[in-house]
Amino acid sequence: KGLQVEATWSEERPGLWTTDGKIAAVGLHVSRKVAIHGLALNLSPDLSHYRFIVPCGHRGGQVTSVKGLGGSAPPVSEAAEGYARLFSLPGRQLLPERLSPVEFFHRQGISPPFQMPAS
């Protein structure tokens, strides 16, 4: 089941934009031959917090959400499962899970490029 949100990608303004504002952000960071990427989809955040943010550096840009567009925002777990299904390769299943930064680098077989604070 889709979110029933119409959004477009713009090369000038990275992310997904609706007529009411930015609904999703995509990020990529590459350092020392390691790429870290992420996707943030605004399901139902408190949009008042975004008044301090300039989306993608575009002054006057607004931020919106699935709920803000009048839709029914699913729980994060349901949205993550849908995302995993959409981006899985045929015959392989992408499992949504949260990893600590240390576990992320451990699974890549490399040492984190930072020191973790002592607990």
PDB file of N, CA and C in Angstrom:
ATOM      1  N   LYS A   1       0.856  -1.182   0.000  1.00  0.00           N
ATOM      2  CA  LYS A   1       0.000   0.000   0.000  1.00  0.00           C
ATOM      3  C   LYS A   1       0.892   1.233   0.000  1.00  0.00           C
ATOM      4  N   GLY A   2       0.666   2.137  -0.933  1.00  0.00           N
ATOM      5  CA  GLY A   2       1.458   3.350  -1.017  1.00  0.00           C
ATOM      6  C   GLY A   2       0.919   4.441  -0.114  1.00  0.00           C
ATOM      7  N   LEU A   3       1.671   5.517  -0.025  1.00  0.00           N
ATOM      8  CA  LEU A   3       1.282   6.635   0.837  1.00  0.00           C
ATOM      9  C   LEU A   3       0.355   7.615   0.136  1.00  0.00           C
ATOM     10  N   GLN A   4       0.157   7.441  -1.157  1.00  0.00           N
ATOM     11  CA  GLN A   4      -0.726   8.317  -1.934  1.00  0.00           C
ATOM     12  C   GLN A   4      -0.284   9.784  -1.861  1.00  0.00           C
ATOM     13  N   VAL A   5       1.030   9.985  -1.979  1.00  0.00           N
ATOM     14  CA  VAL A   5       1.593  11.336  -1.967  1.00  0.00           C
ATOM     15  C   VAL A   5       2.271  11.572  -3.311  1.00  0.00           C
ATOM     16  N   GLU A   6       1.940  12.668  -3.948  1.00  0.00           N
ATOM     17  CA  GLU A   6       2.579  13.010  -5.217  1.00  0.00           C
ATOM     18  C   GLU A   6       3.752  13.939  -4.926  1.00  0.00           C
ATOM     19  N   ALA A   7       4.953  13.475  -5.277  1.00  0.00           N
ATOM     20  CA  ALA A   7       6.162  14.259  -5.025  1.00  0.00           C
ATOM     21  C   ALA A   7       7.097  14.115  -6.215  1.00  0.00           C
ATOM     22  N   THR A   8       7.977  15.091  -6.382  1.00  0.00           N
ATOM     23  CA  THR A   8       8.934  15.066  -7.483  1.00  0.00           C
ATOM     24  C   THR A   8      10.338  15.326  -6.956  1.00  0.00           C
ATOM     25  N   TRP A   9      11.323  14.854  -7.712  1.00  0.00           N
ATOM     26  CA  TRP A   9      12.735  15.086  -7.409  1.00  0.00           C
ATOM     27  C   TRP A   9      13.215  16.241  -8.267  1.00  0.00           C
ATOM     28  N   SER A  10      13.997  17.114  -7.681  1.00  0.00           N
ATOM     29  CA  SER A  10      14.545  18.241  -8.433  1.00  0.00           C
ATOM     30  C   SER A  10      16.058  18.240  -8.264  1.00  0.00           C
ATOM     31  N   GLU A  11      16.787  18.321  -9.358  1.00  0.00           N
ATOM     32  CA  GLU A  11      18.250  18.379  -9.291  1.00  0.00           C
ATOM     33  C   GLU A  11      18.723  19.634  -8.551  1.00  0.00           C
ATOM     34  N   GLU A  12      17.959  20.724  -8.662  1.00  0.00           N
ATOM     35  CA  GLU A  12      18.349  21.974  -8.000  1.00  0.00           C
ATOM     36  C   GLU A  12      18.086  21.941  -6.501  1.00  0.00           C
ATOM     37  N   ARG A  13      17.120  21.123  -6.083  1.00  0.00           N
ATOM     38  CA  ARG A  13      16.746  21.046  -4.669  1.00  0.00           C
ATOM     39  C   ARG A  13      16.678  19.569  -4.279  1.00  0.00           C
ATOM     40  N   PRO A  14      17.807  18.958  -3.885  1.00  0.00           N
ATOM     41  CA  PRO A  14      17.794  17.523  -3.577  1.00  0.00           C
ATOM     42  C   PRO A  14      16.721  17.179  -2.547  1.00  0.00           C
ATOM     43  N   GLY A  15      16.090  16.059  -2.758  1.00  0.00           N
ATOM     44  CA  GLY A  15      15.018  15.604  -1.887  1.00  0.00           C
ATOM     45  C   GLY A  15      13.741  15.439  -2.684  1.00  0.00           C
ATOM     46  N   LEU A  16      12.688  15.027  -2.000  1.00  0.00           N
ATOM     47  CA  LEU A  16      11.380  14.901  -2.631  1.00  0.00           C
ATOM     48  C   LEU A  16      10.518  16.073  -2.208  1.00  0.00           C
ATOM     49  N   TRP A  17       9.909  16.729  -3.193  1.00  0.00           N
ATOM     50  CA  TRP A  17       9.127  17.933  -2.943  1.00  0.00           C
ATOM     51  C   TRP A  17       7.701  17.744  -3.425  1.00  0.00           C
ATOM     52  N   THR A  18       6.761  18.228  -2.631  1.00  0.00           N
ATOM     53  CA  THR A  18       5.359  18.281  -3.020  1.00  0.00           C
ATOM     54  C   THR A  18       5.041  19.747  -3.300  1.00  0.00           C
ATOM     55  N   THR A  19       3.825  20.030  -3.710  1.00  0.00           N
ATOM     56  CA  THR A  19       3.451  21.429  -3.923  1.00  0.00           C
ATOM     57  C   THR A  19       3.410  22.194  -2.601  1.00  0.00           C
ATOM     58  N   ASP A  20       3.319  21.476  -1.466  1.00  0.00           N
ATOM     59  CA  ASP A  20       3.288  22.123  -0.149  1.00  0.00           C
ATOM     60  C   ASP A  20       4.647  22.183   0.536  1.00  0.00           C
ATOM     61  N   GLY A  21       5.675  21.557  -0.033  1.00  0.00           N
ATOM     62  CA  GLY A  21       6.998  21.622   0.573  1.00  0.00           C
ATOM     63  C   GLY A  21       7.740  20.304   0.488  1.00  0.00           C
ATOM     64  N   LYS A  22       8.900  20.286   1.124  1.00  0.00           N
ATOM     65  CA  LYS A  22       9.779  19.116   1.110  1.00  0.00           C
ATOM     66  C   LYS A  22       9.223  18.042   2.036  1.00  0.00           C
ATOM     67  N   ILE A  23       9.132  16.815   1.533  1.00  0.00           N
ATOM     68  CA  ILE A  23       8.576  15.721   2.328  1.00  0.00           C
ATOM     69  C   ILE A  23       9.628  14.653   2.648  1.00  0.00           C
ATOM     70  N   ALA A  24      10.723  14.623   1.899  1.00  0.00           N
ATOM     71  CA  ALA A  24      11.757  13.619   2.150  1.00  0.00           C
ATOM     72  C   ALA A  24      13.125  14.177   1.806  1.00  0.00           C
ATOM     73  N   ALA A  25      14.120  13.762   2.587  1.00  0.00           N
ATOM     74  CA  ALA A  25      15.505  14.168   2.357  1.00  0.00           C
ATOM     75  C   ALA A  25      16.347  12.929   2.110  1.00  0.00           C
ATOM     76  N   VAL A  26      17.333  13.087   1.246  1.00  0.00           N
ATOM     77  CA  VAL A  26      18.267  12.009   0.950  1.00  0.00           C
ATOM     78  C   VAL A  26      19.654  12.553   1.227  1.00  0.00           C
ATOM     79  N   GLY A  27      20.467  11.777   1.944  1.00  0.00           N
ATOM     80  CA  GLY A  27      21.799  12.241   2.274  1.00  0.00           C
ATOM     81  C   GLY A  27      22.851  11.206   1.938  1.00  0.00           C
ATOM     82  N   LEU A  28      24.034  11.688   1.576  1.00  0.00           N
ATOM     83  CA  LEU A  28      25.161  10.821   1.271  1.00  0.00           C
ATOM     84  C   LEU A  28      26.420  11.508   1.769  1.00  0.00           C
ATOM     85  N   HIS A  29      27.233  10.745   2.488  1.00  0.00           N
ATOM     86  CA  HIS A  29      28.497  11.263   2.993  1.00  0.00           C
ATOM     87  C   HIS A  29      29.567  10.241   2.656  1.00  0.00           C
ATOM     88  N   VAL A  30      30.638  10.686   2.037  1.00  0.00           N
ATOM     89  CA  VAL A  30      31.740   9.790   1.695  1.00  0.00           C
ATOM     90  C   VAL A  30      32.995  10.328   2.347  1.00  0.00           C
ATOM     91  N   SER A  31      33.687   9.457   3.077  1.00  0.00           N
ATOM     92  CA  SER A  31      34.925   9.831   3.738  1.00  0.00           C
ATOM     93  C   SER A  31      35.791   8.591   3.878  1.00  0.00           C
ATOM     94  N   ARG A  32      37.041   8.700   3.483  1.00  0.00           N
ATOM     95  CA  ARG A  32      37.997   7.597   3.617  1.00  0.00           C
ATOM     96  C   ARG A  32      37.476   6.300   3.001  1.00  0.00           C
ATOM     97  N   LYS A  33      36.950   6.401   1.814  1.00  0.00           N
ATOM     98  CA  LYS A  33      36.432   5.257   1.050  1.00  0.00           C
ATOM     99  C   LYS A  33      35.223   4.587   1.693  1.00  0.00           C
ATOM    100  N   VAL A  34      34.534   5.295   2.584  1.00  0.00           N
ATOM    101  CA  VAL A  34      33.326   4.771   3.212  1.00  0.00           C
ATOM    102  C   VAL A  34      32.169   5.695   2.850  1.00  0.00           C
ATOM    103  N   ALA A  35      31.095   5.120   2.337  1.00  0.00           N
ATOM    104  CA  ALA A  35      29.896   5.894   1.992  1.00  0.00           C
ATOM    105  C   ALA A  35      28.805   5.579   3.008  1.00  0.00           C
ATOM    106  N   ILE A  36      28.217   6.613   3.542  1.00  0.00           N
ATOM    107  CA  ILE A  36      27.100   6.479   4.468  1.00  0.00           C
ATOM    108  C   ILE A  36      25.941   7.239   3.837  1.00  0.00           C
ATOM    109  N   HIS A  37      24.792   6.609   3.781  1.00  0.00           N
ATOM    110  CA  HIS A  37      23.652   7.256   3.157  1.00  0.00           C
ATOM    111  C   HIS A  37      22.430   7.124   4.055  1.00  0.00           C
ATOM    112  N   GLY A  38      21.463   7.945   3.768  1.00  0.00           N
ATOM    113  CA  GLY A  38      20.247   7.891   4.571  1.00  0.00           C
ATOM    114  C   GLY A  38      19.079   8.512   3.839  1.00  0.00           C
ATOM    115  N   LEU A  39      17.907   8.179   4.310  1.00  0.00           N
ATOM    116  CA  LEU A  39      16.670   8.712   3.769  1.00  0.00           C
ATOM    117  C   LEU A  39      15.794   9.100   4.946  1.00  0.00           C
ATOM    118  N   ALA A  40      15.248  10.287   4.898  1.00  0.00           N
ATOM    119  CA  ALA A  40      14.331  10.743   5.940  1.00  0.00           C
ATOM    120  C   ALA A  40      13.007  11.099   5.281  1.00  0.00           C
ATOM    121  N   LEU A  41      11.973  10.376   5.635  1.00  0.00           N
ATOM    122  CA  LEU A  41      10.631  10.626   5.124  1.00  0.00           C
ATOM    123  C   LEU A  41       9.804  11.199   6.266  1.00  0.00           C
ATOM    124  N   ASN A  42       9.222  12.362   6.050  1.00  0.00           N
ATOM    125  CA  ASN A  42       8.410  13.000   7.083  1.00  0.00           C
ATOM    126  C   ASN A  42       7.023  12.359   7.100  1.00  0.00           C
ATOM    127  N   LEU A  43       6.799  11.499   8.086  1.00  0.00           N
ATOM    128  CA  LEU A  43       5.495  10.856   8.213  1.00  0.00           C
ATOM    129  C   LEU A  43       4.541  11.741   8.995  1.00  0.00           C
ATOM    130  N   SER A  44       4.867  12.027  10.258  1.00  0.00           N
ATOM    131  CA  SER A  44       3.970  12.858  11.076  1.00  0.00           C
ATOM    132  C   SER A  44       4.729  13.633  12.151  1.00  0.00           C
ATOM    133  N   PRO A  45       5.849  14.287  11.796  1.00  0.00           N
ATOM    134  CA  PRO A  45       6.576  15.053  12.817  1.00  0.00           C
ATOM    135  C   PRO A  45       5.837  16.344  13.171  1.00  0.00           C
ATOM    136  N   ASP A  46       6.255  16.952  14.266  1.00  0.00           N
ATOM    137  CA  ASP A  46       5.754  18.274  14.638  1.00  0.00           C
ATOM    138  C   ASP A  46       6.415  19.273  13.688  1.00  0.00           C
ATOM    139  N   LEU A  47       5.677  19.764  12.713  1.00  0.00           N
ATOM    140  CA  LEU A  47       6.246  20.628  11.687  1.00  0.00           C
ATOM    141  C   LEU A  47       6.700  21.986  12.219  1.00  0.00           C
ATOM    142  N   SER A  48       6.266  22.361  13.423  1.00  0.00           N
ATOM    143  CA  SER A  48       6.710  23.650  13.973  1.00  0.00           C
ATOM    144  C   SER A  48       8.215  23.647  14.235  1.00  0.00           C
ATOM    145  N   HIS A  49       8.810  22.466  14.440  1.00  0.00           N
ATOM    146  CA  HIS A  49      10.256  22.396  14.673  1.00  0.00           C
ATOM    147  C   HIS A  49      11.052  22.771  13.423  1.00  0.00           C
ATOM    148  N   TYR A  50      10.440  22.659  12.273  1.00  0.00           N
ATOM    149  CA  TYR A  50      11.131  22.956  11.015  1.00  0.00           C
ATOM    150  C   TYR A  50      11.216  24.446  10.719  1.00  0.00           C
ATOM    151  N   ARG A  51      10.621  25.271  11.540  1.00  0.00           N
ATOM    152  CA  ARG A  51      10.692  26.708  11.260  1.00  0.00           C
ATOM    153  C   ARG A  51      12.117  27.244  11.397  1.00  0.00           C
ATOM    154  N   PHE A  52      13.008  26.458  12.045  1.00  0.00           N
ATOM    155  CA  PHE A  52      14.397  26.866  12.217  1.00  0.00           C
ATOM    156  C   PHE A  52      15.313  26.256  11.150  1.00  0.00           C
ATOM    157  N   ILE A  53      14.754  25.484  10.224  1.00  0.00           N
ATOM    158  CA  ILE A  53      15.543  24.762   9.231  1.00  0.00           C
ATOM    159  C   ILE A  53      15.302  25.367   7.852  1.00  0.00           C
ATOM    160  N   VAL A  54      16.379  25.521   7.096  1.00  0.00           N
ATOM    161  CA  VAL A  54      16.282  25.958   5.704  1.00  0.00           C
ATOM    162  C   VAL A  54      16.472  24.695   4.863  1.00  0.00           C
ATOM    163  N   PRO A  55      15.390  24.120   4.331  1.00  0.00           N
ATOM    164  CA  PRO A  55      15.502  22.846   3.629  1.00  0.00           C
ATOM    165  C   PRO A  55      16.437  22.916   2.426  1.00  0.00           C
ATOM    166  N   CYS A  56      17.466  22.098   2.461  1.00  0.00           N
ATOM    167  CA  CYS A  56      18.463  22.024   1.372  1.00  0.00           C
ATOM    168  C   CYS A  56      19.087  23.377   1.055  1.00  0.00           C
ATOM    169  N   GLY A  57      19.102  24.282   2.021  1.00  0.00           N
ATOM    170  CA  GLY A  57      19.693  25.596   1.798  1.00  0.00           C
ATOM    171  C   GLY A  57      18.858  26.525   0.944  1.00  0.00           C
ATOM    172  N   HIS A  58      17.590  26.184   0.713  1.00  0.00           N
ATOM    173  CA  HIS A  58      16.716  27.009  -0.116  1.00  0.00           C
ATOM    174  C   HIS A  58      15.802  27.851   0.761  1.00  0.00           C
ATOM    175  N   ARG A  59      16.170  29.104   0.908  1.00  0.00           N
ATOM    176  CA  ARG A  59      15.363  30.010   1.723  1.00  0.00           C
ATOM    177  C   ARG A  59      13.947  30.080   1.169  1.00  0.00           C
ATOM    178  N   GLY A  60      12.981  30.110   2.052  1.00  0.00           N
ATOM    179  CA  GLY A  60      11.598  30.169   1.637  1.00  0.00           C
ATOM    180  C   GLY A  60      10.996  28.800   1.369  1.00  0.00           C
ATOM    181  N   GLY A  61      11.835  27.773   1.409  1.00  0.00           N
ATOM    182  CA  GLY A  61      11.322  26.416   1.201  1.00  0.00           C
ATOM    183  C   GLY A  61      10.571  25.950   2.438  1.00  0.00           C
ATOM    184  N   GLN A  62       9.461  25.314   2.244  1.00  0.00           N
ATOM    185  CA  GLN A  62       8.659  24.797   3.345  1.00  0.00           C
ATOM    186  C   GLN A  62       8.922  23.300   3.506  1.00  0.00           C
ATOM    187  N   VAL A  63       8.588  22.769   4.666  1.00  0.00           N
ATOM    188  CA  VAL A  63       8.680  21.340   4.940  1.00  0.00           C
ATOM    189  C   VAL A  63       7.277  20.849   5.238  1.00  0.00           C
ATOM    190  N   THR A  64       6.945  19.673   4.742  1.00  0.00           N
ATOM    191  CA  THR A  64       5.634  19.101   4.990  1.00  0.00           C
ATOM    192  C   THR A  64       5.785  17.641   5.389  1.00  0.00           C
ATOM    193  N   SER A  65       4.683  16.979   5.595  1.00  0.00           N
ATOM    194  CA  SER A  65       4.684  15.570   5.984  1.00  0.00           C
ATOM    195  C   SER A  65       3.474  14.877   5.365  1.00  0.00           C
ATOM    196  N   VAL A  66       3.477  13.551   5.451  1.00  0.00           N
ATOM    197  CA  VAL A  66       2.323  12.797   4.959  1.00  0.00           C
ATOM    198  C   VAL A  66       1.074  13.249   5.711  1.00  0.00           C
ATOM    199  N   LYS A  67       1.183  13.338   7.022  1.00  0.00           N
ATOM    200  CA  LYS A  67       0.044  13.780   7.837  1.00  0.00           C
ATOM    201  C   LYS A  67      -0.337  15.227   7.509  1.00  0.00           C
ATOM    202  N   GLY A  68       0.672  16.091   7.312  1.00  0.00           N
ATOM    203  CA  GLY A  68       0.425  17.488   6.988  1.00  0.00           C
ATOM    204  C   GLY A  68      -0.295  17.675   5.666  1.00  0.00           C
ATOM    205  N   LEU A  69      -0.158  16.716   4.769  1.00  0.00           N
ATOM    206  CA  LEU A  69      -0.843  16.775   3.475  1.00  0.00           C
ATOM    207  C   LEU A  69      -2.244  16.189   3.555  1.00  0.00           C
ATOM    208  N   GLY A  70      -2.646  15.825   4.776  1.00  0.00           N
ATOM    209  CA  GLY A  70      -3.988  15.284   4.961  1.00  0.00           C
ATOM    210  C   GLY A  70      -4.070  13.785   4.814  1.00  0.00           C
ATOM    211  N   GLY A  71      -2.911  13.153   4.707  1.00  0.00           N
ATOM    212  CA  GLY A  71      -2.894  11.699   4.572  1.00  0.00           C
ATOM    213  C   GLY A  71      -2.880  11.001   5.915  1.00  0.00           C
ATOM    214  N   SER A  72      -2.971   9.709   5.841  1.00  0.00           N
ATOM    215  CA  SER A  72      -2.886   8.884   7.039  1.00  0.00           C
ATOM    216  C   SER A  72      -1.470   8.344   7.112  1.00  0.00           C
ATOM    217  N   ALA A  73      -0.693   8.816   8.072  1.00  0.00           N
ATOM    218  CA  ALA A  73       0.703   8.402   8.187  1.00  0.00           C
ATOM    219  C   ALA A  73       0.790   7.059   8.901  1.00  0.00           C
ATOM    220  N   PRO A  74       1.445   6.079   8.268  1.00  0.00           N
ATOM    221  CA  PRO A  74       1.599   4.785   8.920  1.00  0.00           C
ATOM    222  C   PRO A  74       2.645   4.856  10.026  1.00  0.00           C
ATOM    223  N   PRO A  75       2.681   3.859  10.912  1.00  0.00           N
ATOM    224  CA  PRO A  75       3.758   3.813  11.905  1.00  0.00           C
ATOM    225  C   PRO A  75       5.109   3.690  11.186  1.00  0.00           C
ATOM    226  N   VAL A  76       6.180   4.124  11.837  1.00  0.00           N
ATOM    227  CA  VAL A  76       7.516   4.078  11.243  1.00  0.00           C
ATOM    228  C   VAL A  76       7.871   2.647  10.830  1.00  0.00           C
ATOM    229  N   SER A  77       7.544   1.659  11.657  1.00  0.00           N
ATOM    230  CA  SER A  77       7.889   0.271  11.326  1.00  0.00           C
ATOM    231  C   SER A  77       7.226  -0.170  10.025  1.00  0.00           C
ATOM    232  N   GLU A  78       5.988   0.223   9.808  1.00  0.00           N
ATOM    233  CA  GLU A  78       5.280  -0.141   8.573  1.00  0.00           C
ATOM    234  C   GLU A  78       5.888   0.565   7.362  1.00  0.00           C
ATOM    235  N   ALA A  79       6.237   1.835   7.522  1.00  0.00           N
ATOM    236  CA  ALA A  79       6.863   2.577   6.424  1.00  0.00           C
ATOM    237  C   ALA A  79       8.234   1.977   6.099  1.00  0.00           C
ATOM    238  N   ALA A  80       8.996   1.570   7.113  1.00  0.00           N
ATOM    239  CA  ALA A  80      10.316   0.964   6.886  1.00  0.00           C
ATOM    240  C   ALA A  80      10.191  -0.359   6.141  1.00  0.00           C
ATOM    241  N   GLU A  81       9.200  -1.150   6.479  1.00  0.00           N
ATOM    242  CA  GLU A  81       8.997  -2.415   5.771  1.00  0.00           C
ATOM    243  C   GLU A  81       8.625  -2.171   4.309  1.00  0.00           C
ATOM    244  N   GLY A  82       7.781  -1.176   4.060  1.00  0.00           N
ATOM    245  CA  GLY A  82       7.422  -0.834   2.687  1.00  0.00           C
ATOM    246  C   GLY A  82       8.618  -0.352   1.896  1.00  0.00           C
ATOM    247  N   TYR A  83       9.453   0.474   2.520  1.00  0.00           N
ATOM    248  CA  TYR A  83      10.686   0.964   1.887  1.00  0.00           C
ATOM    249  C   TYR A  83      11.596  -0.214   1.547  1.00  0.00           C
ATOM    250  N   ALA A  84      11.762  -1.141   2.482  1.00  0.00           N
ATOM    251  CA  ALA A  84      12.628  -2.296   2.260  1.00  0.00           C
ATOM    252  C   ALA A  84      12.118  -3.139   1.094  1.00  0.00           C
ATOM    253  N   ARG A  85      10.810  -3.324   1.003  1.00  0.00           N
ATOM    254  CA  ARG A  85      10.244  -4.087  -0.118  1.00  0.00           C
ATOM    255  C   ARG A  85      10.504  -3.389  -1.454  1.00  0.00           C
ATOM    256  N   LEU A  86      10.323  -2.076  -1.487  1.00  0.00           N
ATOM    257  CA  LEU A  86      10.518  -1.329  -2.730  1.00  0.00           C
ATOM    258  C   LEU A  86      11.952  -1.393  -3.241  1.00  0.00           C
ATOM    259  N   PHE A  87      12.915  -1.398  -2.339  1.00  0.00           N
ATOM    260  CA  PHE A  87      14.308  -1.318  -2.742  1.00  0.00           C
ATOM    261  C   PHE A  87      15.066  -2.640  -2.654  1.00  0.00           C
ATOM    262  N   SER A  88      14.360  -3.727  -2.428  1.00  0.00           N
ATOM    263  CA  SER A  88      14.999  -5.043  -2.406  1.00  0.00           C
ATOM    264  C   SER A  88      15.214  -5.532  -3.830  1.00  0.00           C
ATOM    265  N   LEU A  89      16.299  -6.228  -4.033  1.00  0.00           N
ATOM    266  CA  LEU A  89      16.555  -6.853  -5.325  1.00  0.00           C
ATOM    267  C   LEU A  89      15.688  -8.094  -5.463  1.00  0.00           C
ATOM    268  N   PRO A  90      15.314  -8.461  -6.673  1.00  0.00           N
ATOM    269  CA  PRO A  90      14.519  -9.683  -6.850  1.00  0.00           C
ATOM    270  C   PRO A  90      15.247 -10.880  -6.230  1.00  0.00           C
ATOM    271  N   GLY A  91      14.524 -11.656  -5.445  1.00  0.00           N
ATOM    272  CA  GLY A  91      15.116 -12.827  -4.817  1.00  0.00           C
ATOM    273  C   GLY A  91      15.874 -12.545  -3.541  1.00  0.00           C
ATOM    274  N   ARG A  92      16.025 -11.268  -3.168  1.00  0.00           N
ATOM    275  CA  ARG A  92      16.716 -10.900  -1.925  1.00  0.00           C
ATOM    276  C   ARG A  92      15.812  -9.985  -1.126  1.00  0.00           C
ATOM    277  N   GLN A  93      15.880 -10.097   0.164  1.00  0.00           N
ATOM    278  CA  GLN A  93      15.049  -9.258   1.007  1.00  0.00           C
ATOM    279  C   GLN A  93      15.923  -8.300   1.813  1.00  0.00           C
ATOM    280  N   LEU A  94      15.620  -7.019   1.721  1.00  0.00           N
ATOM    281  CA  LEU A  94      16.297  -6.003   2.510  1.00  0.00           C
ATOM    282  C   LEU A  94      15.547  -5.887   3.823  1.00  0.00           C
ATOM    283  N   LEU A  95      16.225  -6.081   4.918  1.00  0.00           N
ATOM    284  CA  LEU A  95      15.559  -6.045   6.220  1.00  0.00           C
ATOM    285  C   LEU A  95      15.801  -4.699   6.884  1.00  0.00           C
ATOM    286  N   PRO A  96      14.736  -4.001   7.258  1.00  0.00           N
ATOM    287  CA  PRO A  96      14.928  -2.721   7.963  1.00  0.00           C
ATOM    288  C   PRO A  96      15.410  -2.975   9.381  1.00  0.00           C
ATOM    289  N   GLU A  97      16.482  -2.329   9.752  1.00  0.00           N
ATOM    290  CA  GLU A  97      16.960  -2.445  11.118  1.00  0.00           C
ATOM    291  C   GLU A  97      17.801  -1.222  11.452  1.00  0.00           C
ATOM    292  N   ARG A  98      17.881  -0.937  12.724  1.00  0.00           N
ATOM    293  CA  ARG A  98      18.690   0.188  13.172  1.00  0.00           C
ATOM    294  C   ARG A  98      19.983  -0.368  13.751  1.00  0.00           C
ATOM    295  N   LEU A  99      21.086   0.216  13.340  1.00  0.00           N
ATOM    296  CA  LEU A  99      22.399  -0.199  13.822  1.00  0.00           C
ATOM    297  C   LEU A  99      23.058   0.964  14.531  1.00  0.00           C
ATOM    298  N   SER A 100      23.817   0.646  15.554  1.00  0.00           N
ATOM    299  CA  SER A 100      24.645   1.685  16.156  1.00  0.00           C
ATOM    300  C   SER A 100      25.765   1.995  15.164  1.00  0.00           C
ATOM    301  N   PRO A 101      26.377   3.166  15.260  1.00  0.00           N
ATOM    302  CA  PRO A 101      27.488   3.458  14.348  1.00  0.00           C
ATOM    303  C   PRO A 101      28.600   2.410  14.433  1.00  0.00           C
ATOM    304  N   VAL A 102      28.900   1.934  15.622  1.00  0.00           N
ATOM    305  CA  VAL A 102      29.960   0.933  15.786  1.00  0.00           C
ATOM    306  C   VAL A 102      29.578  -0.360  15.070  1.00  0.00           C
ATOM    307  N   GLU A 103      28.330  -0.811  15.227  1.00  0.00           N
ATOM    308  CA  GLU A 103      27.883  -2.041  14.573  1.00  0.00           C
ATOM    309  C   GLU A 103      27.876  -1.872  13.057  1.00  0.00           C
ATOM    310  N   PHE A 104      27.501  -0.704  12.568  1.00  0.00           N
ATOM    311  CA  PHE A 104      27.515  -0.450  11.120  1.00  0.00           C
ATOM    312  C   PHE A 104      28.916  -0.681  10.565  1.00  0.00           C
ATOM    313  N   PHE A 105      29.913  -0.059  11.172  1.00  0.00           N
ATOM    314  CA  PHE A 105      31.278  -0.205  10.671  1.00  0.00           C
ATOM    315  C   PHE A 105      31.793  -1.628  10.879  1.00  0.00           C
ATOM    316  N   HIS A 106      31.422  -2.262  11.989  1.00  0.00           N
ATOM    317  CA  HIS A 106      31.830  -3.640  12.251  1.00  0.00           C
ATOM    318  C   HIS A 106      31.345  -4.559  11.130  1.00  0.00           C
ATOM    319  N   ARG A 107      30.101  -4.398  10.701  1.00  0.00           N
ATOM    320  CA  ARG A 107      29.555  -5.232   9.624  1.00  0.00           C
ATOM    321  C   ARG A 107      30.242  -4.984   8.288  1.00  0.00           C
ATOM    322  N   GLN A 108      30.846  -3.805   8.138  1.00  0.00           N
ATOM    323  CA  GLN A 108      31.586  -3.514   6.912  1.00  0.00           C
ATOM    324  C   GLN A 108      33.006  -4.058   6.980  1.00  0.00           C
ATOM    325  N   GLY A 109      33.390  -4.554   8.162  1.00  0.00           N
ATOM    326  CA  GLY A 109      34.736  -5.099   8.325  1.00  0.00           C
ATOM    327  C   GLY A 109      35.805  -4.040   8.473  1.00  0.00           C
ATOM    328  N   ILE A 110      35.419  -2.842   8.922  1.00  0.00           N
ATOM    329  CA  ILE A 110      36.390  -1.762   9.090  1.00  0.00           C
ATOM    330  C   ILE A 110      36.208  -1.115  10.460  1.00  0.00           C
ATOM    331  N   SER A 111      37.219  -0.408  10.889  1.00  0.00           N
ATOM    332  CA  SER A 111      37.153   0.291  12.169  1.00  0.00           C
ATOM    333  C   SER A 111      36.447   1.623  11.972  1.00  0.00           C
ATOM    334  N   PRO A 112      35.629   2.038  12.943  1.00  0.00           N
ATOM    335  CA  PRO A 112      34.970   3.347  12.830  1.00  0.00           C
ATOM    336  C   PRO A 112      36.006   4.461  12.752  1.00  0.00           C
ATOM    337  N   PRO A 113      35.754   5.497  11.947  1.00  0.00           N
ATOM    338  CA  PRO A 113      36.708   6.616  11.832  1.00  0.00           C
ATOM    339  C   PRO A 113      36.532   7.615  12.977  1.00  0.00           C
ATOM    340  N   PHE A 114      36.131   7.146  14.160  1.00  0.00           N
ATOM    341  CA  PHE A 114      35.919   8.004  15.306  1.00  0.00           C
ATOM    342  C   PHE A 114      36.079   7.168  16.576  1.00  0.00           C
ATOM    343  N   GLN A 115      36.229   7.824  17.679  1.00  0.00           N
ATOM    344  CA  GLN A 115      36.325   7.162  18.979  1.00  0.00           C
ATOM    345  C   GLN A 115      34.978   7.239  19.668  1.00  0.00           C
ATOM    346  N   MET A 116      34.504   6.116  20.183  1.00  0.00           N
ATOM    347  CA  MET A 116      33.251   6.118  20.939  1.00  0.00           C
ATOM    348  C   MET A 116      33.565   6.557  22.367  1.00  0.00           C
ATOM    349  N   PRO A 117      32.706   7.406  22.952  1.00  0.00           N
ATOM    350  CA  PRO A 117      32.928   7.818  24.338  1.00  0.00           C
ATOM    351  C   PRO A 117      32.808   6.620  25.277  1.00  0.00           C
ATOM    352  N   ALA A 118      33.576   6.643  26.347  1.00  0.00           N
ATOM    353  CA  ALA A 118      33.502   5.560  27.345  1.00  0.00           C
ATOM    354  C   ALA A 118      32.161   5.608  28.038  1.00  0.00           C
ATOM    355  N   SER A 119      31.569   4.422  28.289  1.00  0.00           N
ATOM    356  CA  SER A 119      30.250   4.396  28.940  1.00  0.00           C
ATOM    357  C   SER A 119      30.368   4.384  30.421  1.00  0.00           C
TER     358      SER A 119
END
